[in-house]
PDB file of N, CA and C in Angstrom:
ATOM      1  N   MET A   1     147.797 -79.640-201.398  1.00  0.00           N
ATOM      2  CA  MET A   1     147.250 -80.629-201.644  1.00  0.00           C
ATOM      3  C   MET A   1     146.118 -80.304-202.494  1.00  0.00           C
ATOM      4  N   THR A   2     145.954 -80.446-203.540  1.00  0.00           N
ATOM      5  CA  THR A   2     144.438 -80.256-204.156  1.00  0.00           C
ATOM      6  C   THR A   2     143.813 -81.643-204.617  1.00  0.00           C
ATOM      7  N   THR A   3     142.779 -81.736-203.818  1.00  0.00           N
ATOM      8  CA  THR A   3     141.719 -82.858-204.199  1.00  0.00           C
ATOM      9  C   THR A   3     141.090 -82.975-205.657  1.00  0.00           C
ATOM     10  N   ARG A   4     141.167 -84.325-205.976  1.00  0.00           N
ATOM     11  CA  ARG A   4     140.586 -84.411-207.449  1.00  0.00           C
ATOM     12  C   ARG A   4     139.155 -84.636-207.260  1.00  0.00           C
ATOM     13  N   GLN A   5     139.091 -83.940-208.486  1.00  0.00           N
ATOM     14  CA  GLN A   5     137.370 -83.355-209.053  1.00  0.00           C
ATOM     15  C   GLN A   5     136.845 -84.549-209.607  1.00  0.00           C
ATOM     16  N   PRO A   6     135.222 -84.636-208.775  1.00  0.00           N
ATOM     17  CA  PRO A   6     134.643 -85.748-209.333  1.00  0.00           C
ATOM     18  C   PRO A   6     135.155 -86.109-211.128  1.00  0.00           C
ATOM     19  N   ARG A   7     134.617 -87.387-211.588  1.00  0.00           N
ATOM     20  CA  ARG A   7     134.335 -87.131-213.376  1.00  0.00           C
ATOM     21  C   ARG A   7     132.860 -87.989-213.482  1.00  0.00           C
ATOM     22  N   LEU A   8     132.483 -87.355-214.232  1.00  0.00           N
ATOM     23  CA  LEU A   8     130.813 -87.466-214.690  1.00  0.00           C
ATOM     24  C   LEU A   8     130.804 -87.826-216.137  1.00  0.00           C
ATOM     25  N   GLU A   9     130.309 -89.364-216.426  1.00  0.00           N
ATOM     26  CA  GLU A   9     130.371 -89.706-217.455  1.00  0.00           C
ATOM     27  C   GLU A   9     128.424 -90.219-218.065  1.00  0.00           C
ATOM     28  N   ILE A  10     128.371 -89.809-219.341  1.00  0.00           N
ATOM     29  CA  ILE A  10     127.366 -90.036-219.844  1.00  0.00           C
ATOM     30  C   ILE A  10     127.730 -90.812-221.115  1.00  0.00           C
ATOM     31  N   GLU A  11     126.627 -92.102-220.564  1.00  0.00           N
ATOM     32  CA  GLU A  11     126.497 -93.124-221.746  1.00  0.00           C
ATOM     33  C   GLU A  11     125.434 -93.066-222.916  1.00  0.00           C
ATOM     34  N   TYR A  12     125.784 -92.662-224.088  1.00  0.00           N
ATOM     35  CA  TYR A  12     124.660 -92.538-225.118  1.00  0.00           C
ATOM     36  C   TYR A  12     124.422 -93.546-225.923  1.00  0.00           C
ATOM     37  N   CYS A  13     123.406 -93.891-226.731  1.00  0.00           N
ATOM     38  CA  CYS A  13     123.140 -94.799-227.361  1.00  0.00           C
ATOM     39  C   CYS A  13     123.080 -94.357-228.564  1.00  0.00           C
ATOM     40  N   THR A  14     124.431 -94.859-229.540  1.00  0.00           N
ATOM     41  CA  THR A  14     124.630 -94.462-231.121  1.00  0.00           C
ATOM     42  C   THR A  14     123.841 -94.578-232.004  1.00  0.00           C
ATOM     43  N   GLN A  15     123.344 -96.117-231.783  1.00  0.00           N
ATOM     44  CA  GLN A  15     121.965 -96.438-232.713  1.00  0.00           C
ATOM     45  C   GLN A  15     120.968 -95.332-232.502  1.00  0.00           C
ATOM     46  N   CYS A  16     120.765 -94.793-231.370  1.00  0.00           N
ATOM     47  CA  CYS A  16     119.550 -93.987-231.187  1.00  0.00           C
ATOM     48  C   CYS A  16     119.791 -92.743-231.293  1.00  0.00           C
ATOM     49  N   ARG A  17     121.426 -92.294-232.287  1.00  0.00           N
ATOM     50  CA  ARG A  17     121.672 -91.051-232.357  1.00  0.00           C
ATOM     51  C   ARG A  17     121.332 -90.020-231.284  1.00  0.00           C
ATOM     52  N   TRP A  18     121.691 -89.831-230.421  1.00  0.00           N
ATOM     53  CA  TRP A  18     121.491 -89.398-228.732  1.00  0.00           C
ATOM     54  C   TRP A  18     122.887 -88.718-228.487  1.00  0.00           C
ATOM     55  N   LEU A  19     123.514 -88.515-229.318  1.00  0.00           N
ATOM     56  CA  LEU A  19     124.812 -87.809-229.030  1.00  0.00           C
ATOM     57  C   LEU A  19     124.451 -86.309-228.678  1.00  0.00           C
ATOM     58  N   MET A  20     123.448 -85.692-229.560  1.00  0.00           N
ATOM     59  CA  MET A  20     123.200 -84.323-229.274  1.00  0.00           C
ATOM     60  C   MET A  20     122.502 -84.199-227.756  1.00  0.00           C
ATOM     61  N   ARG A  21     121.439 -85.237-227.489  1.00  0.00           N
ATOM     62  CA  ARG A  21     121.218 -85.074-226.457  1.00  0.00           C
ATOM     63  C   ARG A  21     122.130 -85.234-225.403  1.00  0.00           C
ATOM     64  N   ALA A  22     123.141 -86.141-225.286  1.00  0.00           N
ATOM     65  CA  ALA A  22     124.135 -86.386-224.121  1.00  0.00           C
ATOM     66  C   ALA A  22     125.484 -84.841-224.509  1.00  0.00           C
ATOM     67  N   GLY A  23     125.177 -84.421-225.292  1.00  0.00           N
ATOM     68  CA  GLY A  23     126.452 -83.442-225.326  1.00  0.00           C
ATOM     69  C   GLY A  23     125.517 -82.043-224.656  1.00  0.00           C
ATOM     70  N   TRP A  24     124.120 -82.045-224.971  1.00  0.00           N
ATOM     71  CA  TRP A  24     123.250 -81.079-224.279  1.00  0.00           C
ATOM     72  C   TRP A  24     123.760 -81.229-222.520  1.00  0.00           C
ATOM     73  N   THR A  25     123.197 -82.057-222.340  1.00  0.00           N
ATOM     74  CA  THR A  25     123.310 -82.413-221.413  1.00  0.00           C
ATOM     75  C   THR A  25     124.662 -82.007-220.037  1.00  0.00           C
ATOM     76  N   ALA A  26     125.427 -82.774-221.086  1.00  0.00           N
ATOM     77  CA  ALA A  26     127.267 -82.316-220.193  1.00  0.00           C
ATOM     78  C   ALA A  26     127.487 -80.803-220.483  1.00  0.00           C
ATOM     79  N   GLN A  27     126.865 -80.195-221.733  1.00  0.00           N
ATOM     80  CA  GLN A  27     127.240 -78.700-221.267  1.00  0.00           C
ATOM     81  C   GLN A  27     126.827 -78.272-220.067  1.00  0.00           C
ATOM     82  N   GLU A  28     124.800 -78.681-220.158  1.00  0.00           N
ATOM     83  CA  GLU A  28     124.201 -78.255-219.044  1.00  0.00           C
ATOM     84  C   GLU A  28     124.961 -77.864-217.462  1.00  0.00           C
ATOM     85  N   LEU A  29     125.598 -79.512-217.480  1.00  0.00           N
ATOM     86  CA  LEU A  29     126.097 -80.189-215.864  1.00  0.00           C
ATOM     87  C   LEU A  29     127.346 -79.379-215.719  1.00  0.00           C
ATOM     88  N   LEU A  30     128.151 -79.224-217.093  1.00  0.00           N
ATOM     89  CA  LEU A  30     129.468 -78.233-216.836  1.00  0.00           C
ATOM     90  C   LEU A  30     129.219 -76.745-216.347  1.00  0.00           C
ATOM     91  N   THR A  31     128.065 -76.291-217.334  1.00  0.00           N
ATOM     92  CA  THR A  31     128.053 -74.834-217.126  1.00  0.00           C
ATOM     93  C   THR A  31     127.405 -75.062-215.731  1.00  0.00           C
ATOM     94  N   THR A  32     126.543 -75.658-214.743  1.00  0.00           N
ATOM     95  CA  THR A  32     126.040 -75.623-213.425  1.00  0.00           C
ATOM     96  C   THR A  32     127.456 -76.092-212.582  1.00  0.00           C
ATOM     97  N   PHE A  33     128.313 -76.954-212.831  1.00  0.00           N
ATOM     98  CA  PHE A  33     128.795 -77.296-211.980  1.00  0.00           C
ATOM     99  C   PHE A  33     130.266 -76.824-212.195  1.00  0.00           C
ATOM    100  N   SER A  34     130.582 -76.082-212.406  1.00  0.00           N
ATOM    101  CA  SER A  34     131.934 -75.519-213.725  1.00  0.00           C
ATOM    102  C   SER A  34     133.577 -75.849-212.544  1.00  0.00           C
ATOM    103  N   THR A  35     132.864 -75.195-211.552  1.00  0.00           N
ATOM    104  CA  THR A  35     133.938 -75.318-210.283  1.00  0.00           C
ATOM    105  C   THR A  35     134.267 -77.354-209.693  1.00  0.00           C
ATOM    106  N   GLU A  36     132.981 -77.789-209.650  1.00  0.00           N
ATOM    107  CA  GLU A  36     132.836 -79.188-208.861  1.00  0.00           C
ATOM    108  C   GLU A  36     133.125 -80.453-209.567  1.00  0.00           C
ATOM    109  N   LEU A  37     132.902 -80.349-211.212  1.00  0.00           N
ATOM    110  CA  LEU A  37     133.790 -81.568-211.759  1.00  0.00           C
ATOM    111  C   LEU A  37     134.850 -81.112-212.570  1.00  0.00           C
ATOM    112  N   GLY A  38     135.524 -82.438-212.275  1.00  0.00           N
ATOM    113  CA  GLY A  38     137.002 -82.383-213.272  1.00  0.00           C
ATOM    114  C   GLY A  38     136.669 -82.602-214.281  1.00  0.00           C
ATOM    115  N   GLU A  39     135.868 -83.268-214.914  1.00  0.00           N
ATOM    116  CA  GLU A  39     135.502 -83.875-216.176  1.00  0.00           C
ATOM    117  C   GLU A  39     134.365 -84.570-216.785  1.00  0.00           C
ATOM    118  N   VAL A  40     133.801 -84.548-217.662  1.00  0.00           N
ATOM    119  CA  VAL A  40     132.682 -84.878-218.234  1.00  0.00           C
ATOM    120  C   VAL A  40     133.097 -85.714-219.388  1.00  0.00           C
ATOM    121  N   ALA A  41     132.850 -87.063-219.586  1.00  0.00           N
ATOM    122  CA  ALA A  41     133.138 -87.901-220.583  1.00  0.00           C
ATOM    123  C   ALA A  41     131.854 -88.316-221.129  1.00  0.00           C
ATOM    124  N   LEU A  42     131.564 -88.220-222.639  1.00  0.00           N
ATOM    125  CA  LEU A  42     130.796 -88.960-223.335  1.00  0.00           C
ATOM    126  C   LEU A  42     130.916 -90.134-223.865  1.00  0.00           C
ATOM    127  N   ILE A  43     130.169 -91.371-223.202  1.00  0.00           N
ATOM    128  CA  ILE A  43     130.504 -92.708-223.403  1.00  0.00           C
ATOM    129  C   ILE A  43     129.585 -93.312-224.857  1.00  0.00           C
ATOM    130  N   PRO A  44     130.164 -93.528-226.232  1.00  0.00           N
ATOM    131  CA  PRO A  44     129.202 -94.220-227.112  1.00  0.00           C
ATOM    132  C   PRO A  44     128.891 -95.429-226.410  1.00  0.00           C
ATOM    133  N   GLY A  45     127.511 -96.167-226.708  1.00  0.00           N
ATOM    134  CA  GLY A  45     126.965 -97.332-226.480  1.00  0.00           C
ATOM    135  C   GLY A  45     126.061 -97.644-226.996  1.00  0.00           C
ATOM    136  N   THR A  46     125.289 -98.949-227.136  1.00  0.00           N
ATOM    137  CA  THR A  46     123.894 -99.262-227.731  1.00  0.00           C
ATOM    138  C   THR A  46     123.162 -99.591-226.992  1.00  0.00           C
ATOM    139  N   GLY A  47     122.120-100.073-227.497  1.00  0.00           N
ATOM    140  CA  GLY A  47     120.813-100.596-226.795  1.00  0.00           C
ATOM    141  C   GLY A  47     119.923-100.188-226.291  1.00  0.00           C
ATOM    142  N   GLY A  48     119.726 -98.936-227.038  1.00  0.00           N
ATOM    143  CA  GLY A  48     118.994 -97.400-225.973  1.00  0.00           C
ATOM    144  C   GLY A  48     119.874 -97.157-224.808  1.00  0.00           C
ATOM    145  N   VAL A  49     120.525 -97.238-224.445  1.00  0.00           N
ATOM    146  CA  VAL A  49     121.132 -96.726-223.304  1.00  0.00           C
ATOM    147  C   VAL A  49     121.281 -94.961-223.122  1.00  0.00           C
ATOM    148  N   PHE A  50     121.405 -94.721-221.775  1.00  0.00           N
ATOM    149  CA  PHE A  50     121.131 -93.276-221.554  1.00  0.00           C
ATOM    150  C   PHE A  50     121.602 -93.333-220.139  1.00  0.00           C
ATOM    151  N   ASP A  51     122.780 -93.264-219.758  1.00  0.00           N
ATOM    152  CA  ASP A  51     123.034 -93.689-218.159  1.00  0.00           C
ATOM    153  C   ASP A  51     124.024 -92.371-217.922  1.00  0.00           C
ATOM    154  N   VAL A  52     123.618 -91.806-216.651  1.00  0.00           N
ATOM    155  CA  VAL A  52     124.535 -90.546-216.219  1.00  0.00           C
ATOM    156  C   VAL A  52     125.211 -91.146-214.581  1.00  0.00           C
ATOM    157  N   ARG A  53     126.738 -91.198-215.051  1.00  0.00           N
ATOM    158  CA  ARG A  53     127.587 -91.611-213.740  1.00  0.00           C
ATOM    159  C   ARG A  53     128.320 -90.178-213.134  1.00  0.00           C
ATOM    160  N   VAL A  54     128.442 -90.248-211.640  1.00  0.00           N
ATOM    161  CA  VAL A  54     129.632 -90.006-211.008  1.00  0.00           C
ATOM    162  C   VAL A  54     130.338 -90.486-210.400  1.00  0.00           C
ATOM    163  N   GLU A  55     131.513 -90.904-210.959  1.00  0.00           N
ATOM    164  CA  GLU A  55     132.862 -91.628-210.438  1.00  0.00           C
ATOM    165  C   GLU A  55     132.096 -92.929-210.114  1.00  0.00           C
ATOM    166  N   GLY A  56     131.480 -93.463-211.457  1.00  0.00           N
ATOM    167  CA  GLY A  56     131.104 -94.603-211.487  1.00  0.00           C
ATOM    168  C   GLY A  56     129.871 -95.429-211.208  1.00  0.00           C
ATOM    169  N   GLU A  57     129.058 -94.144-209.989  1.00  0.00           N
ATOM    170  CA  GLU A  57     127.801 -94.587-209.588  1.00  0.00           C
ATOM    171  C   GLU A  57     126.782 -94.076-210.357  1.00  0.00           C
ATOM    172  N   ILE A  58     125.990 -94.790-210.966  1.00  0.00           N
ATOM    173  CA  ILE A  58     124.753 -94.268-211.520  1.00  0.00           C
ATOM    174  C   ILE A  58     124.342 -93.230-210.927  1.00  0.00           C
ATOM    175  N   VAL A  59     123.593 -92.266-211.454  1.00  0.00           N
ATOM    176  CA  VAL A  59     122.427 -91.419-210.500  1.00  0.00           C
ATOM    177  C   VAL A  59     121.551 -91.124-211.672  1.00  0.00           C
ATOM    178  N   TRP A  60     121.815 -91.664-212.419  1.00  0.00           N
ATOM    179  CA  TRP A  60     120.247 -92.098-213.464  1.00  0.00           C
ATOM    180  C   TRP A  60     120.669 -92.395-214.592  1.00  0.00           C
ATOM    181  N   SER A  61     119.590 -93.688-214.795  1.00  0.00           N
ATOM    182  CA  SER A  61     119.467 -94.514-216.164  1.00  0.00           C
ATOM    183  C   SER A  61     118.293 -95.119-217.054  1.00  0.00           C
ATOM    184  N   ARG A  62     118.136 -94.074-218.104  1.00  0.00           N
ATOM    185  CA  ARG A  62     117.066 -94.348-218.791  1.00  0.00           C
ATOM    186  C   ARG A  62     116.252 -95.342-218.781  1.00  0.00           C
ATOM    187  N   LYS A  63     116.632 -97.197-218.563  1.00  0.00           N
ATOM    188  CA  LYS A  63     116.206 -97.920-218.603  1.00  0.00           C
ATOM    189  C   LYS A  63     115.173 -98.127-217.266  1.00  0.00           C
ATOM    190  N   GLU A  64     116.124 -97.902-216.037  1.00  0.00           N
ATOM    191  CA  GLU A  64     115.874 -97.957-214.828  1.00  0.00           C
ATOM    192  C   GLU A  64     114.305 -96.614-214.213  1.00  0.00           C
ATOM    193  N   GLN A  65     114.943 -95.823-215.116  1.00  0.00           N
ATOM    194  CA  GLN A  65     113.460 -94.777-214.627  1.00  0.00           C
ATOM    195  C   GLN A  65     112.992 -94.452-215.530  1.00  0.00           C
ATOM    196  N   ASP A  66     112.791 -95.156-216.803  1.00  0.00           N
ATOM    197  CA  ASP A  66     111.693 -95.331-217.934  1.00  0.00           C
ATOM    198  C   ASP A  66     111.662 -93.995-218.567  1.00  0.00           C
ATOM    199  N   GLY A  67     112.746 -93.341-218.784  1.00  0.00           N
ATOM    200  CA  GLY A  67     112.477 -92.203-219.447  1.00  0.00           C
ATOM    201  C   GLY A  67     113.862 -91.079-219.569  1.00  0.00           C
ATOM    202  N   PHE A  68     114.046 -90.293-220.059  1.00  0.00           N
ATOM    203  CA  PHE A  68     115.277 -89.264-220.023  1.00  0.00           C
ATOM    204  C   PHE A  68     115.017 -88.766-218.773  1.00  0.00           C
ATOM    205  N   PRO A  69     115.687 -87.485-217.951  1.00  0.00           N
ATOM    206  CA  PRO A  69     115.664 -86.720-216.949  1.00  0.00           C
ATOM    207  C   PRO A  69     115.467 -85.394-217.072  1.00  0.00           C
ATOM    208  N   ASP A  70     114.518 -84.664-216.109  1.00  0.00           N
ATOM    209  CA  ASP A  70     114.592 -83.668-216.316  1.00  0.00           C
ATOM    210  C   ASP A  70     115.235 -82.911-216.016  1.00  0.00           C
ATOM    211  N   LEU A  71     116.551 -82.063-216.908  1.00  0.00           N
ATOM    212  CA  LEU A  71     117.071 -81.330-216.296  1.00  0.00           C
ATOM    213  C   LEU A  71     117.280 -80.797-214.610  1.00  0.00           C
ATOM    214  N   ALA A  72     116.381 -80.252-214.542  1.00  0.00           N
ATOM    215  CA  ALA A  72     116.534 -79.836-213.261  1.00  0.00           C
ATOM    216  C   ALA A  72     116.825 -80.958-212.039  1.00  0.00           C
ATOM    217  N   VAL A  73     116.147 -81.951-212.490  1.00  0.00           N
ATOM    218  CA  VAL A  73     116.320 -83.137-211.382  1.00  0.00           C
ATOM    219  C   VAL A  73     117.097 -83.967-211.428  1.00  0.00           C
ATOM    220  N   LEU A  74     118.436 -84.048-212.697  1.00  0.00           N
ATOM    221  CA  LEU A  74     119.371 -84.361-212.969  1.00  0.00           C
ATOM    222  C   LEU A  74     120.393 -83.880-212.559  1.00  0.00           C
ATOM    223  N   LYS A  75     120.595 -81.928-212.147  1.00  0.00           N
ATOM    224  CA  LYS A  75     120.857 -81.845-211.720  1.00  0.00           C
ATOM    225  C   LYS A  75     121.072 -81.739-209.861  1.00  0.00           C
ATOM    226  N   GLN A  76     120.242 -81.773-209.554  1.00  0.00           N
ATOM    227  CA  GLN A  76     119.758 -82.065-208.051  1.00  0.00           C
ATOM    228  C   GLN A  76     120.360 -83.550-207.326  1.00  0.00           C
ATOM    229  N   LEU A  77     120.358 -84.538-208.581  1.00  0.00           N
ATOM    230  CA  LEU A  77     120.600 -86.070-208.286  1.00  0.00           C
ATOM    231  C   LEU A  77     122.464 -85.617-208.409  1.00  0.00           C
ATOM    232  N   VAL A  78     123.056 -84.405-209.094  1.00  0.00           N
ATOM    233  CA  VAL A  78     124.730 -84.728-209.351  1.00  0.00           C
ATOM    234  C   VAL A  78     124.836 -84.009-207.972  1.00  0.00           C
ATOM    235  N   ARG A  79     124.241 -82.684-207.883  1.00  0.00           N
ATOM    236  CA  ARG A  79     124.681 -81.991-206.780  1.00  0.00           C
ATOM    237  C   ARG A  79     124.763 -82.495-205.500  1.00  0.00           C
ATOM    238  N   ASP A  80     123.622 -83.883-205.154  1.00  0.00           N
ATOM    239  CA  ASP A  80     123.464 -84.319-204.221  1.00  0.00           C
ATOM    240  C   ASP A  80     124.919 -85.082-203.861  1.00  0.00           C
ATOM    241  N   ARG A  81     125.672 -85.528-204.916  1.00  0.00           N
ATOM    242  CA  ARG A  81     126.693 -86.611-204.856  1.00  0.00           C
ATOM    243  C   ARG A  81     128.350 -85.515-204.991  1.00  0.00           C
ATOM    244  N   ILE A  82     128.101 -84.511-205.361  1.00  0.00           N
ATOM    245  CA  ILE A  82     129.575 -83.819-205.620  1.00  0.00           C
ATOM    246  C   ILE A  82     129.453 -82.445-204.435  1.00  0.00           C
ATOM    247  N   ALA A  83     128.305 -81.971-204.553  1.00  0.00           N
ATOM    248  CA  ALA A  83     128.403 -80.505-203.573  1.00  0.00           C
ATOM    249  C   ALA A  83     127.136 -80.659-202.935  1.00  0.00           C
ATOM    250  N   PRO A  84     127.123 -81.275-201.697  1.00  0.00           N
ATOM    251  CA  PRO A  84     125.670 -81.635-201.167  1.00  0.00           C
ATOM    252  C   PRO A  84     125.042 -80.500-200.429  1.00  0.00           C
ATOM    253  N   ASP A  85     126.265 -79.389-199.911  1.00  0.00           N
ATOM    254  CA  ASP A  85     125.747 -77.742-199.525  1.00  0.00           C
ATOM    255  C   ASP A  85     125.447 -77.137-200.518  1.00  0.00           C
ATOM    256  N   ARG A  86     125.766 -76.803-201.649  1.00  0.00           N
ATOM    257  CA  ARG A  86     125.543 -76.124-202.585  1.00  0.00           C
ATOM    258  C   ARG A  86     123.916 -75.772-203.031  1.00  0.00           C
ATOM    259  N   ASP A  87     123.617 -74.514-203.008  1.00  0.00           N
ATOM    260  CA  ASP A  87     122.026 -74.379-203.151  1.00  0.00           C
ATOM    261  C   ASP A  87     122.488 -74.049-205.212  1.00  0.00           C
ATOM    262  N   LEU A  88     121.197 -74.868-205.569  1.00  0.00           N
ATOM    263  CA  LEU A  88     121.015 -74.442-207.306  1.00  0.00           C
ATOM    264  C   LEU A  88     120.202 -73.332-207.599  1.00  0.00           C
ATOM    265  N   GLY A  89     119.898 -72.476-206.501  1.00  0.00           N
ATOM    266  CA  GLY A  89     118.688 -71.361-206.732  1.00  0.00           C
ATOM    267  C   GLY A  89     117.761 -71.657-207.633  1.00  0.00           C
ATOM    268  N   HIS A  90     117.179 -71.502-208.579  1.00  0.00           N
ATOM    269  CA  HIS A  90     115.582 -71.076-209.134  1.00  0.00           C
ATOM    270  C   HIS A  90     115.453 -72.731-208.931  1.00  0.00           C
ATOM    271  N   VAL A  91     116.438 -73.484-209.323  1.00  0.00           N
ATOM    272  CA  VAL A  91     116.201 -75.117-209.391  1.00  0.00           C
ATOM    273  C   VAL A  91     115.394 -75.734-208.450  1.00  0.00           C
ATOM    274  N   ASP A  92     116.007 -75.719-207.472  1.00  0.00           N
ATOM    275  CA  ASP A  92     115.455 -75.977-206.057  1.00  0.00           C
ATOM    276  C   ASP A  92     114.464 -75.173-205.985  1.00  0.00           C
ATOM    277  N   ARG A  93     114.319 -74.460-205.995  1.00  0.00           N
ATOM    278  CA  ARG A  93     112.755 -73.546-205.580  1.00  0.00           C
ATOM    279  C   ARG A  93     111.912 -74.150-206.450  1.00  0.00           C
ATOM    280  N   ARG A  94     112.296 -74.237-207.624  1.00  0.00           N
ATOM    281  CA  ARG A  94     111.232 -74.772-208.827  1.00  0.00           C
ATOM    282  C   ARG A  94     110.803 -76.120-208.293  1.00  0.00           C
ATOM    283  N   LEU A  95     111.513 -77.035-207.842  1.00  0.00           N
ATOM    284  CA  LEU A  95     111.215 -78.599-207.564  1.00  0.00           C
ATOM    285  C   LEU A  95     110.849 -78.946-206.211  1.00  0.00           C
ATOM    286  N   SER A  96     110.485 -77.781-205.552  1.00  0.00           N
ATOM    287  CA  SER A  96     110.474 -77.704-204.051  1.00  0.00           C
ATOM    288  C   SER A  96     108.718 -77.585-203.732  1.00  0.00           C
ATOM    289  N   ARG A  97     108.274 -76.896-205.076  1.00  0.00           N
ATOM    290  CA  ARG A  97     106.795 -76.552-205.061  1.00  0.00           C
ATOM    291  C   ARG A  97     105.971 -77.687-204.787  1.00  0.00           C
TER     292      ARG A  97
END
């Protein structure tokens, strides 16, 4: 029996032309969590949205956090939800200083 791996969604604003940012973020997360994520979806939106969700739960919202995530911080937030025991190596060390 296999367990279903989590779905990560990045909803981005098409009016703001944030597709490239969303694609880059997706690429970085897929590279880091290649065995822990089941899929990453890019969802077109409007109104300045840039939300990252894991299994429907928001882990980062540009409007709520007043800006885009630092990638290292975002990786930790995603890790905490999908693989809490996973060591992110240099990312963890850099943020703990």
